[in-house]
Amino acid sequence: MLDVRSRERWRGASETLDPVAGRIPGTVNLPSREPRRHRRYRSPVELRQLYSPVGGTPPDRLVVHCGSGVTACHTLLALELAGLDGASHYVGSFSEWCRSGRPLGRG
């Protein structure tokens, strides 16, 4: 599962929208701004390199989320541009998870 919120929010150091800070346990963080440079998406080759360290997870097994579910869509587009088709979107994202009573990761 790929969390595309800022590193500070993912670590649980700050939270701007939700009632508690933290992350979904086991997620990997790659902020949604990373695929862009000067307000444009990087080249497909650069995007593939950027997403290659995401645990070697095949794109069709990758789930992307953010805070509210909106920003993750930018990452899904970047993955498609990179030719890494088939990732899924956890629409409820961290906002839903943190209200569910499930465990939170921090640090």
PDB file of N, CA and C in Angstrom:
ATOM      1  N   MET A   1       0.854  -1.167   0.000  1.00  0.00           N
ATOM      2  CA  MET A   1       0.000   0.000   0.000  1.00  0.00           C
ATOM      3  C   MET A   1       0.904   1.235   0.000  1.00  0.00           C
ATOM      4  N   LEU A   2       0.617   2.158  -0.900  1.00  0.00           N
ATOM      5  CA  LEU A   2       1.416   3.367  -1.074  1.00  0.00           C
ATOM      6  C   LEU A   2       0.653   4.577  -0.545  1.00  0.00           C
ATOM      7  N   ASP A   3       1.227   5.236   0.450  1.00  0.00           N
ATOM      8  CA  ASP A   3       0.654   6.450   1.050  1.00  0.00           C
ATOM      9  C   ASP A   3       1.352   7.639   0.403  1.00  0.00           C
ATOM     10  N   VAL A   4       0.588   8.526  -0.236  1.00  0.00           N
ATOM     11  CA  VAL A   4       1.186   9.637  -0.972  1.00  0.00           C
ATOM     12  C   VAL A   4       1.060  10.981  -0.251  1.00  0.00           C
ATOM     13  N   ARG A   5       0.724  10.937   1.051  1.00  0.00           N
ATOM     14  CA  ARG A   5       0.703  12.175   1.833  1.00  0.00           C
ATOM     15  C   ARG A   5       2.134  12.645   2.094  1.00  0.00           C
ATOM     16  N   SER A   6       2.292  13.835   2.641  1.00  0.00           N
ATOM     17  CA  SER A   6       3.628  14.341   2.970  1.00  0.00           C
ATOM     18  C   SER A   6       4.297  13.411   3.976  1.00  0.00           C
ATOM     19  N   ARG A   7       5.609  13.446   4.004  1.00  0.00           N
ATOM     20  CA  ARG A   7       6.347  12.588   4.937  1.00  0.00           C
ATOM     21  C   ARG A   7       5.998  12.906   6.390  1.00  0.00           C
ATOM     22  N   GLU A   8       5.765  14.183   6.691  1.00  0.00           N
ATOM     23  CA  GLU A   8       5.420  14.576   8.055  1.00  0.00           C
ATOM     24  C   GLU A   8       4.099  13.956   8.497  1.00  0.00           C
ATOM     25  N   ARG A   9       3.142  13.985   7.609  1.00  0.00           N
ATOM     26  CA  ARG A   9       1.838  13.373   7.940  1.00  0.00           C
ATOM     27  C   ARG A   9       1.966  11.859   8.043  1.00  0.00           C
ATOM     28  N   TRP A  10       2.722  11.241   7.143  1.00  0.00           N
ATOM     29  CA  TRP A  10       2.893   9.792   7.158  1.00  0.00           C
ATOM     30  C   TRP A  10       3.575   9.337   8.454  1.00  0.00           C
ATOM     31  N   ARG A  11       4.575  10.105   8.912  1.00  0.00           N
ATOM     32  CA  ARG A  11       5.271   9.761  10.164  1.00  0.00           C
ATOM     33  C   ARG A  11       4.413  10.015  11.389  1.00  0.00           C
ATOM     34  N   GLY A  12       3.360  10.800  11.232  1.00  0.00           N
ATOM     35  CA  GLY A  12       2.515  11.139  12.376  1.00  0.00           C
ATOM     36  C   GLY A  12       3.019  12.357  13.118  1.00  0.00           C
ATOM     37  N   ALA A  13       3.938  13.115  12.501  1.00  0.00           N
ATOM     38  CA  ALA A  13       4.504  14.305  13.134  1.00  0.00           C
ATOM     39  C   ALA A  13       3.548  15.488  13.065  1.00  0.00           C
ATOM     40  N   SER A  14       2.664  15.492  12.080  1.00  0.00           N
ATOM     41  CA  SER A  14       1.669  16.565  11.961  1.00  0.00           C
ATOM     42  C   SER A  14       0.448  16.007  11.239  1.00  0.00           C
ATOM     43  N   GLU A  15      -0.664  16.658  11.469  1.00  0.00           N
ATOM     44  CA  GLU A  15      -1.900  16.271  10.777  1.00  0.00           C
ATOM     45  C   GLU A  15      -2.728  17.516  10.562  1.00  0.00           C
ATOM     46  N   THR A  16      -3.084  17.766   9.317  1.00  0.00           N
ATOM     47  CA  THR A  16      -3.797  18.989   8.961  1.00  0.00           C
ATOM     48  C   THR A  16      -5.297  18.784   8.769  1.00  0.00           C
ATOM     49  N   LEU A  17      -5.728  17.554   8.524  1.00  0.00           N
ATOM     50  CA  LEU A  17      -7.135  17.318   8.197  1.00  0.00           C
ATOM     51  C   LEU A  17      -7.864  16.363   9.130  1.00  0.00           C
ATOM     52  N   ASP A  18      -7.171  15.370   9.602  1.00  0.00           N
ATOM     53  CA  ASP A  18      -7.835  14.293  10.339  1.00  0.00           C
ATOM     54  C   ASP A  18      -7.703  14.468  11.852  1.00  0.00           C
ATOM     55  N   PRO A  19      -8.575  13.788  12.622  1.00  0.00           N
ATOM     56  CA  PRO A  19      -8.575  13.963  14.076  1.00  0.00           C
ATOM     57  C   PRO A  19      -7.355  13.376  14.780  1.00  0.00           C
ATOM     58  N   VAL A  20      -6.654  12.445  14.136  1.00  0.00           N
ATOM     59  CA  VAL A  20      -5.439  11.859  14.711  1.00  0.00           C
ATOM     60  C   VAL A  20      -4.366  11.767  13.637  1.00  0.00           C
ATOM     61  N   ALA A  21      -3.122  11.774  14.083  1.00  0.00           N
ATOM     62  CA  ALA A  21      -1.988  11.677  13.160  1.00  0.00           C
ATOM     63  C   ALA A  21      -1.506  10.236  13.101  1.00  0.00           C
ATOM     64  N   GLY A  22      -0.861   9.886  12.022  1.00  0.00           N
ATOM     65  CA  GLY A  22      -0.279   8.556  11.880  1.00  0.00           C
ATOM     66  C   GLY A  22      -0.422   8.045  10.469  1.00  0.00           C
ATOM     67  N   ARG A  23      -0.336   6.718  10.347  1.00  0.00           N
ATOM     68  CA  ARG A  23      -0.421   6.081   9.024  1.00  0.00           C
ATOM     69  C   ARG A  23      -1.058   4.710   9.170  1.00  0.00           C
ATOM     70  N   ILE A  24      -1.439   4.165   8.053  1.00  0.00           N
ATOM     71  CA  ILE A  24      -1.903   2.788   8.015  1.00  0.00           C
ATOM     72  C   ILE A  24      -0.648   1.916   8.153  1.00  0.00           C
ATOM     73  N   PRO A  25      -0.609   1.014   9.123  1.00  0.00           N
ATOM     74  CA  PRO A  25       0.586   0.184   9.315  1.00  0.00           C
ATOM     75  C   PRO A  25       0.957  -0.585   8.046  1.00  0.00           C
ATOM     76  N   GLY A  26       2.253  -0.667   7.791  1.00  0.00           N
ATOM     77  CA  GLY A  26       2.759  -1.413   6.648  1.00  0.00           C
ATOM     78  C   GLY A  26       2.815  -0.636   5.348  1.00  0.00           C
ATOM     79  N   THR A  27       2.399   0.625   5.362  1.00  0.00           N
ATOM     80  CA  THR A  27       2.432   1.410   4.126  1.00  0.00           C
ATOM     81  C   THR A  27       3.841   1.907   3.831  1.00  0.00           C
ATOM     82  N   VAL A  28       4.059   2.224   2.562  1.00  0.00           N
ATOM     83  CA  VAL A  28       5.280   2.855   2.082  1.00  0.00           C
ATOM     84  C   VAL A  28       4.904   4.275   1.716  1.00  0.00           C
ATOM     85  N   ASN A  29       5.797   5.228   1.955  1.00  0.00           N
ATOM     86  CA  ASN A  29       5.487   6.630   1.679  1.00  0.00           C
ATOM     87  C   ASN A  29       6.283   7.147   0.493  1.00  0.00           C
ATOM     88  N   LEU A  30       5.582   7.749  -0.449  1.00  0.00           N
ATOM     89  CA  LEU A  30       6.182   8.474  -1.561  1.00  0.00           C
ATOM     90  C   LEU A  30       5.242   9.636  -1.858  1.00  0.00           C
ATOM     91  N   PRO A  31       5.570  10.830  -1.343  1.00  0.00           N
ATOM     92  CA  PRO A  31       4.658  11.976  -1.480  1.00  0.00           C
ATOM     93  C   PRO A  31       4.231  12.248  -2.918  1.00  0.00           C
ATOM     94  N   SER A  32       3.013  12.684  -3.066  1.00  0.00           N
ATOM     95  CA  SER A  32       2.406  12.887  -4.390  1.00  0.00           C
ATOM     96  C   SER A  32       3.105  13.953  -5.213  1.00  0.00           C
ATOM     97  N   ARG A  33       3.908  14.791  -4.607  1.00  0.00           N
ATOM     98  CA  ARG A  33       4.628  15.818  -5.376  1.00  0.00           C
ATOM     99  C   ARG A  33       5.865  15.278  -6.082  1.00  0.00           C
ATOM    100  N   GLU A  34       6.363  14.139  -5.650  1.00  0.00           N
ATOM    101  CA  GLU A  34       7.594  13.574  -6.208  1.00  0.00           C
ATOM    102  C   GLU A  34       7.529  13.307  -7.714  1.00  0.00           C
ATOM    103  N   PRO A  35       6.404  12.860  -8.263  1.00  0.00           N
ATOM    104  CA  PRO A  35       6.373  12.567  -9.703  1.00  0.00           C
ATOM    105  C   PRO A  35       6.393  13.805 -10.596  1.00  0.00           C
ATOM    106  N   ARG A  36       6.296  14.981 -10.003  1.00  0.00           N
ATOM    107  CA  ARG A  36       6.242  16.205 -10.812  1.00  0.00           C
ATOM    108  C   ARG A  36       7.473  17.073 -10.576  1.00  0.00           C
ATOM    109  N   ARG A  37       7.845  17.768 -11.617  1.00  0.00           N
ATOM    110  CA  ARG A  37       8.917  18.747 -11.545  1.00  0.00           C
ATOM    111  C   ARG A  37       8.452  19.967 -12.333  1.00  0.00           C
ATOM    112  N   HIS A  38       8.504  21.095 -11.715  1.00  0.00           N
ATOM    113  CA  HIS A  38       8.060  22.341 -12.363  1.00  0.00           C
ATOM    114  C   HIS A  38       6.630  22.221 -12.880  1.00  0.00           C
ATOM    115  N   ARG A  39       5.762  21.649 -12.047  1.00  0.00           N
ATOM    116  CA  ARG A  39       4.328  21.492 -12.315  1.00  0.00           C
ATOM    117  C   ARG A  39       4.000  20.562 -13.480  1.00  0.00           C
ATOM    118  N   ARG A  40       4.955  19.787 -13.925  1.00  0.00           N
ATOM    119  CA  ARG A  40       4.715  18.806 -14.993  1.00  0.00           C
ATOM    120  C   ARG A  40       5.199  17.445 -14.522  1.00  0.00           C
ATOM    121  N   TYR A  41       4.543  16.407 -15.010  1.00  0.00           N
ATOM    122  CA  TYR A  41       4.979  15.061 -14.658  1.00  0.00           C
ATOM    123  C   TYR A  41       6.335  14.788 -15.287  1.00  0.00           C
ATOM    124  N   ARG A  42       7.140  14.040 -14.580  1.00  0.00           N
ATOM    125  CA  ARG A  42       8.437  13.615 -15.104  1.00  0.00           C
ATOM    126  C   ARG A  42       8.217  12.689 -16.300  1.00  0.00           C
ATOM    127  N   SER A  43       9.284  12.354 -16.992  1.00  0.00           N
ATOM    128  CA  SER A  43       9.184  11.461 -18.151  1.00  0.00           C
ATOM    129  C   SER A  43       8.788  10.060 -17.688  1.00  0.00           C
ATOM    130  N   PRO A  44       8.227   9.253 -18.584  1.00  0.00           N
ATOM    131  CA  PRO A  44       7.868   7.882 -18.208  1.00  0.00           C
ATOM    132  C   PRO A  44       9.048   7.093 -17.627  1.00  0.00           C
ATOM    133  N   VAL A  45      10.243   7.279 -18.174  1.00  0.00           N
ATOM    134  CA  VAL A  45      11.429   6.584 -17.666  1.00  0.00           C
ATOM    135  C   VAL A  45      11.724   7.022 -16.233  1.00  0.00           C
ATOM    136  N   GLU A  46      11.681   8.329 -15.975  1.00  0.00           N
ATOM    137  CA  GLU A  46      11.925   8.831 -14.615  1.00  0.00           C
ATOM    138  C   GLU A  46      10.850   8.340 -13.645  1.00  0.00           C
ATOM    139  N   LEU A  47       9.610   8.306 -14.103  1.00  0.00           N
ATOM    140  CA  LEU A  47       8.522   7.830 -13.241  1.00  0.00           C
ATOM    141  C   LEU A  47       8.695   6.353 -12.892  1.00  0.00           C
ATOM    142  N   ARG A  48       9.099   5.545 -13.872  1.00  0.00           N
ATOM    143  CA  ARG A  48       9.334   4.120 -13.581  1.00  0.00           C
ATOM    144  C   ARG A  48      10.443   3.966 -12.544  1.00  0.00           C
ATOM    145  N   GLN A  49      11.498   4.772 -12.669  1.00  0.00           N
ATOM    146  CA  GLN A  49      12.598   4.722 -11.697  1.00  0.00           C
ATOM    147  C   GLN A  49      12.118   5.173 -10.321  1.00  0.00           C
ATOM    148  N   LEU A  50      11.298   6.202 -10.282  1.00  0.00           N
ATOM    149  CA  LEU A  50      10.781   6.719  -9.025  1.00  0.00           C
ATOM    150  C   LEU A  50       9.953   5.669  -8.297  1.00  0.00           C
ATOM    151  N   TYR A  51       9.111   4.947  -9.022  1.00  0.00           N
ATOM    152  CA  TYR A  51       8.222   3.973  -8.399  1.00  0.00           C
ATOM    153  C   TYR A  51       8.837   2.583  -8.259  1.00  0.00           C
ATOM    154  N   SER A  52      10.015   2.354  -8.808  1.00  0.00           N
ATOM    155  CA  SER A  52      10.623   1.021  -8.727  1.00  0.00           C
ATOM    156  C   SER A  52      10.898   0.558  -7.304  1.00  0.00           C
ATOM    157  N   PRO A  53      11.227   1.447  -6.353  1.00  0.00           N
ATOM    158  CA  PRO A  53      11.490   0.943  -5.003  1.00  0.00           C
ATOM    159  C   PRO A  53      10.242   0.611  -4.189  1.00  0.00           C
ATOM    160  N   VAL A  54       9.076   0.681  -4.748  1.00  0.00           N
ATOM    161  CA  VAL A  54       7.854   0.443  -3.985  1.00  0.00           C
ATOM    162  C   VAL A  54       7.708  -1.063  -3.729  1.00  0.00           C
ATOM    163  N   GLY A  55       8.730  -1.596  -3.090  1.00  0.00           N
ATOM    164  CA  GLY A  55       8.691  -2.974  -2.630  1.00  0.00           C
ATOM    165  C   GLY A  55       8.601  -4.033  -3.711  1.00  0.00           C
ATOM    166  N   GLY A  56       8.853  -3.676  -4.959  1.00  0.00           N
ATOM    167  CA  GLY A  56       8.750  -4.656  -6.026  1.00  0.00           C
ATOM    168  C   GLY A  56       7.333  -5.153  -6.254  1.00  0.00           C
ATOM    169  N   THR A  57       6.362  -4.439  -5.717  1.00  0.00           N
ATOM    170  CA  THR A  57       4.961  -4.834  -5.857  1.00  0.00           C
ATOM    171  C   THR A  57       4.513  -4.634  -7.308  1.00  0.00           C
ATOM    172  N   PRO A  58       3.949  -5.655  -7.934  1.00  0.00           N
ATOM    173  CA  PRO A  58       3.418  -5.466  -9.284  1.00  0.00           C
ATOM    174  C   PRO A  58       2.312  -4.401  -9.252  1.00  0.00           C
ATOM    175  N   PRO A  59       2.240  -3.580 -10.289  1.00  0.00           N
ATOM    176  CA  PRO A  59       1.258  -2.488 -10.289  1.00  0.00           C
ATOM    177  C   PRO A  59      -0.173  -2.939 -10.024  1.00  0.00           C
ATOM    178  N   ASP A  60      -0.548  -4.108 -10.530  1.00  0.00           N
ATOM    179  CA  ASP A  60      -1.929  -4.548 -10.324  1.00  0.00           C
ATOM    180  C   ASP A  60      -2.189  -5.046  -8.899  1.00  0.00           C
ATOM    181  N   ARG A  61      -1.162  -5.063  -8.061  1.00  0.00           N
ATOM    182  CA  ARG A  61      -1.313  -5.419  -6.641  1.00  0.00           C
ATOM    183  C   ARG A  61      -1.077  -4.220  -5.738  1.00  0.00           C
ATOM    184  N   LEU A  62      -0.821  -3.059  -6.326  1.00  0.00           N
ATOM    185  CA  LEU A  62      -0.525  -1.848  -5.580  1.00  0.00           C
ATOM    186  C   LEU A  62      -1.812  -1.083  -5.271  1.00  0.00           C
ATOM    187  N   VAL A  63      -1.945  -0.646  -4.029  1.00  0.00           N
ATOM    188  CA  VAL A  63      -3.082   0.171  -3.605  1.00  0.00           C
ATOM    189  C   VAL A  63      -2.531   1.523  -3.177  1.00  0.00           C
ATOM    190  N   VAL A  64      -3.090   2.593  -3.728  1.00  0.00           N
ATOM    191  CA  VAL A  64      -2.627   3.950  -3.460  1.00  0.00           C
ATOM    192  C   VAL A  64      -3.675   4.678  -2.622  1.00  0.00           C
ATOM    193  N   HIS A  65      -3.215   5.423  -1.624  1.00  0.00           N
ATOM    194  CA  HIS A  65      -4.138   6.241  -0.832  1.00  0.00           C
ATOM    195  C   HIS A  65      -3.434   7.503  -0.371  1.00  0.00           C
ATOM    196  N   CYS A  66      -4.224   8.448   0.117  1.00  0.00           N
ATOM    197  CA  CYS A  66      -3.700   9.724   0.639  1.00  0.00           C
ATOM    198  C   CYS A  66      -4.484  10.031   1.908  1.00  0.00           C
ATOM    199  N   GLY A  67      -4.814  11.284   2.113  1.00  0.00           N
ATOM    200  CA  GLY A  67      -5.583  11.657   3.295  1.00  0.00           C
ATOM    201  C   GLY A  67      -7.071  11.483   3.075  1.00  0.00           C
ATOM    202  N   SER A  68      -7.585  12.135   2.057  1.00  0.00           N
ATOM    203  CA  SER A  68      -9.029  12.114   1.810  1.00  0.00           C
ATOM    204  C   SER A  68      -9.427  11.317   0.578  1.00  0.00           C
ATOM    205  N   GLY A  69      -8.465  10.896  -0.220  1.00  0.00           N
ATOM    206  CA  GLY A  69      -8.756  10.115  -1.417  1.00  0.00           C
ATOM    207  C   GLY A  69      -8.558  10.867  -2.717  1.00  0.00           C
ATOM    208  N   VAL A  70      -8.375  12.180  -2.655  1.00  0.00           N
ATOM    209  CA  VAL A  70      -8.275  12.986  -3.875  1.00  0.00           C
ATOM    210  C   VAL A  70      -6.866  12.975  -4.463  1.00  0.00           C
ATOM    211  N   THR A  71      -5.866  13.263  -3.659  1.00  0.00           N
ATOM    212  CA  THR A  71      -4.495  13.394  -4.154  1.00  0.00           C
ATOM    213  C   THR A  71      -3.945  12.080  -4.697  1.00  0.00           C
ATOM    214  N   ALA A  72      -4.426  10.974  -4.206  1.00  0.00           N
ATOM    215  CA  ALA A  72      -3.966   9.675  -4.708  1.00  0.00           C
ATOM    216  C   ALA A  72      -4.223   9.542  -6.202  1.00  0.00           C
ATOM    217  N   CYS A  73      -5.227  10.223  -6.710  1.00  0.00           N
ATOM    218  CA  CYS A  73      -5.537  10.156  -8.144  1.00  0.00           C
ATOM    219  C   CYS A  73      -4.382  10.688  -8.991  1.00  0.00           C
ATOM    220  N   HIS A  74      -3.641  11.674  -8.489  1.00  0.00           N
ATOM    221  CA  HIS A  74      -2.477  12.198  -9.209  1.00  0.00           C
ATOM    222  C   HIS A  74      -1.423  11.100  -9.350  1.00  0.00           C
ATOM    223  N   THR A  75      -1.261  10.310  -8.307  1.00  0.00           N
ATOM    224  CA  THR A  75      -0.293   9.217  -8.347  1.00  0.00           C
ATOM    225  C   THR A  75      -0.756   8.118  -9.285  1.00  0.00           C
ATOM    226  N   LEU A  76      -2.046   7.820  -9.287  1.00  0.00           N
ATOM    227  CA  LEU A  76      -2.552   6.814 -10.222  1.00  0.00           C
ATOM    228  C   LEU A  76      -2.293   7.238 -11.665  1.00  0.00           C
ATOM    229  N   LEU A  77      -2.444   8.527 -11.962  1.00  0.00           N
ATOM    230  CA  LEU A  77      -2.137   9.034 -13.298  1.00  0.00           C
ATOM    231  C   LEU A  77      -0.643   8.877 -13.591  1.00  0.00           C
ATOM    232  N   ALA A  78       0.203   9.228 -12.640  1.00  0.00           N
ATOM    233  CA  ALA A  78       1.655   9.105 -12.837  1.00  0.00           C
ATOM    234  C   ALA A  78       2.053   7.653 -13.090  1.00  0.00           C
ATOM    235  N   LEU A  79       1.447   6.728 -12.368  1.00  0.00           N
ATOM    236  CA  LEU A  79       1.730   5.312 -12.588  1.00  0.00           C
ATOM    237  C   LEU A  79       1.324   4.887 -14.005  1.00  0.00           C
ATOM    238  N   GLU A  80       0.184   5.355 -14.459  1.00  0.00           N
ATOM    239  CA  GLU A  80      -0.263   5.055 -15.829  1.00  0.00           C
ATOM    240  C   GLU A  80       0.706   5.638 -16.854  1.00  0.00           C
ATOM    241  N   LEU A  81       1.143   6.880 -16.633  1.00  0.00           N
ATOM    242  CA  LEU A  81       2.103   7.517 -17.551  1.00  0.00           C
ATOM    243  C   LEU A  81       3.414   6.738 -17.606  1.00  0.00           C
ATOM    244  N   ALA A  82       3.769   6.109 -16.489  1.00  0.00           N
ATOM    245  CA  ALA A  82       4.993   5.319 -16.414  1.00  0.00           C
ATOM    246  C   ALA A  82       4.835   3.935 -17.041  1.00  0.00           C
ATOM    247  N   GLY A  83       3.607   3.590 -17.451  1.00  0.00           N
ATOM    248  CA  GLY A  83       3.350   2.279 -18.006  1.00  0.00           C
ATOM    249  C   GLY A  83       3.137   1.221 -16.942  1.00  0.00           C
ATOM    250  N   LEU A  84       2.891   1.664 -15.711  1.00  0.00           N
ATOM    251  CA  LEU A  84       2.649   0.750 -14.588  1.00  0.00           C
ATOM    252  C   LEU A  84       1.145   0.705 -14.326  1.00  0.00           C
ATOM    253  N   ASP A  85       0.443   0.039 -15.200  1.00  0.00           N
ATOM    254  CA  ASP A  85      -1.015   0.033 -15.199  1.00  0.00           C
ATOM    255  C   ASP A  85      -1.602  -0.901 -14.147  1.00  0.00           C
ATOM    256  N   GLY A  86      -2.783  -0.544 -13.655  1.00  0.00           N
ATOM    257  CA  GLY A  86      -3.576  -1.457 -12.872  1.00  0.00           C
ATOM    258  C   GLY A  86      -3.615  -1.236 -11.379  1.00  0.00           C
ATOM    259  N   ALA A  87      -2.971  -0.187 -10.855  1.00  0.00           N
ATOM    260  CA  ALA A  87      -3.019   0.064  -9.409  1.00  0.00           C
ATOM    261  C   ALA A  87      -4.439   0.423  -8.988  1.00  0.00           C
ATOM    262  N   SER A  88      -4.740   0.161  -7.723  1.00  0.00           N
ATOM    263  CA  SER A  88      -6.061   0.450  -7.168  1.00  0.00           C
ATOM    264  C   SER A  88      -6.013   1.674  -6.264  1.00  0.00           C
ATOM    265  N   HIS A  89      -7.192   2.185  -5.955  1.00  0.00           N
ATOM    266  CA  HIS A  89      -7.327   3.384  -5.134  1.00  0.00           C
ATOM    267  C   HIS A  89      -8.147   3.037  -3.897  1.00  0.00           C
ATOM    268  N   TYR A  90      -7.563   3.263  -2.725  1.00  0.00           N
ATOM    269  CA  TYR A  90      -8.340   3.117  -1.483  1.00  0.00           C
ATOM    270  C   TYR A  90      -9.040   4.454  -1.287  1.00  0.00           C
ATOM    271  N   VAL A  91     -10.267   4.532  -1.695  1.00  0.00           N
ATOM    272  CA  VAL A  91     -11.021   5.785  -1.745  1.00  0.00           C
ATOM    273  C   VAL A  91     -11.184   6.404  -0.353  1.00  0.00           C
ATOM    274  N   GLY A  92     -11.422   5.614   0.662  1.00  0.00           N
ATOM    275  CA  GLY A  92     -11.597   6.154   2.011  1.00  0.00           C
ATOM    276  C   GLY A  92     -10.325   6.752   2.575  1.00  0.00           C
ATOM    277  N   SER A  93      -9.200   6.243   2.132  1.00  0.00           N
ATOM    278  CA  SER A  93      -7.878   6.713   2.506  1.00  0.00           C
ATOM    279  C   SER A  93      -7.698   6.825   4.019  1.00  0.00           C
ATOM    280  N   PHE A  94      -6.686   7.599   4.437  1.00  0.00           N
ATOM    281  CA  PHE A  94      -6.372   7.684   5.859  1.00  0.00           C
ATOM    282  C   PHE A  94      -7.526   8.264   6.663  1.00  0.00           C
ATOM    283  N   SER A  95      -8.288   9.160   6.085  1.00  0.00           N
ATOM    284  CA  SER A  95      -9.424   9.747   6.807  1.00  0.00           C
ATOM    285  C   SER A  95     -10.399   8.680   7.275  1.00  0.00           C
ATOM    286  N   GLU A  96     -10.670   7.709   6.452  1.00  0.00           N
ATOM    287  CA  GLU A  96     -11.555   6.621   6.848  1.00  0.00           C
ATOM    288  C   GLU A  96     -10.852   5.694   7.851  1.00  0.00           C
ATOM    289  N   TRP A  97      -9.603   5.327   7.542  1.00  0.00           N
ATOM    290  CA  TRP A  97      -8.864   4.394   8.388  1.00  0.00           C
ATOM    291  C   TRP A  97      -8.727   4.909   9.818  1.00  0.00           C
ATOM    292  N   CYS A  98      -8.356   6.187   9.981  1.00  0.00           N
ATOM    293  CA  CYS A  98      -8.079   6.708  11.323  1.00  0.00           C
ATOM    294  C   CYS A  98      -9.339   6.812  12.178  1.00  0.00           C
ATOM    295  N   ARG A  99     -10.488   6.769  11.573  1.00  0.00           N
ATOM    296  CA  ARG A  99     -11.757   6.820  12.309  1.00  0.00           C
ATOM    297  C   ARG A  99     -12.346   5.428  12.552  1.00  0.00           C
ATOM    298  N   SER A 100     -11.677   4.403  12.068  1.00  0.00           N
ATOM    299  CA  SER A 100     -12.241   3.051  12.102  1.00  0.00           C
ATOM    300  C   SER A 100     -11.918   2.275  13.373  1.00  0.00           C
ATOM    301  N   GLY A 101     -11.025   2.808  14.200  1.00  0.00           N
ATOM    302  CA  GLY A 101     -10.608   2.074  15.386  1.00  0.00           C
ATOM    303  C   GLY A 101      -9.496   1.071  15.117  1.00  0.00           C
ATOM    304  N   ARG A 102      -9.041   0.991  13.877  1.00  0.00           N
ATOM    305  CA  ARG A 102      -7.941   0.083  13.525  1.00  0.00           C
ATOM    306  C   ARG A 102      -6.614   0.675  14.022  1.00  0.00           C
ATOM    307  N   PRO A 103      -5.557  -0.143  14.106  1.00  0.00           N
ATOM    308  CA  PRO A 103      -4.263   0.360  14.589  1.00  0.00           C
ATOM    309  C   PRO A 103      -3.679   1.420  13.665  1.00  0.00           C
ATOM    310  N   LEU A 104      -2.857   2.282  14.252  1.00  0.00           N
ATOM    311  CA  LEU A 104      -2.154   3.332  13.508  1.00  0.00           C
ATOM    312  C   LEU A 104      -0.661   3.138  13.673  1.00  0.00           C
ATOM    313  N   GLY A 105       0.087   3.447  12.624  1.00  0.00           N
ATOM    314  CA  GLY A 105       1.545   3.460  12.695  1.00  0.00           C
ATOM    315  C   GLY A 105       2.009   4.890  12.908  1.00  0.00           C
ATOM    316  N   ARG A 106       3.129   5.032  13.595  1.00  0.00           N
ATOM    317  CA  ARG A 106       3.732   6.361  13.809  1.00  0.00           C
ATOM    318  C   ARG A 106       5.238   6.219  13.844  1.00  0.00           C
ATOM    319  N   GLY A 107       5.900   7.345  13.641  1.00  0.00           N
ATOM    320  CA  GLY A 107       7.361   7.352  13.742  1.00  0.00           C
ATOM    321  C   GLY A 107       8.045   7.137  12.439  1.00  0.00           C
TER     322      GLY A 107
END
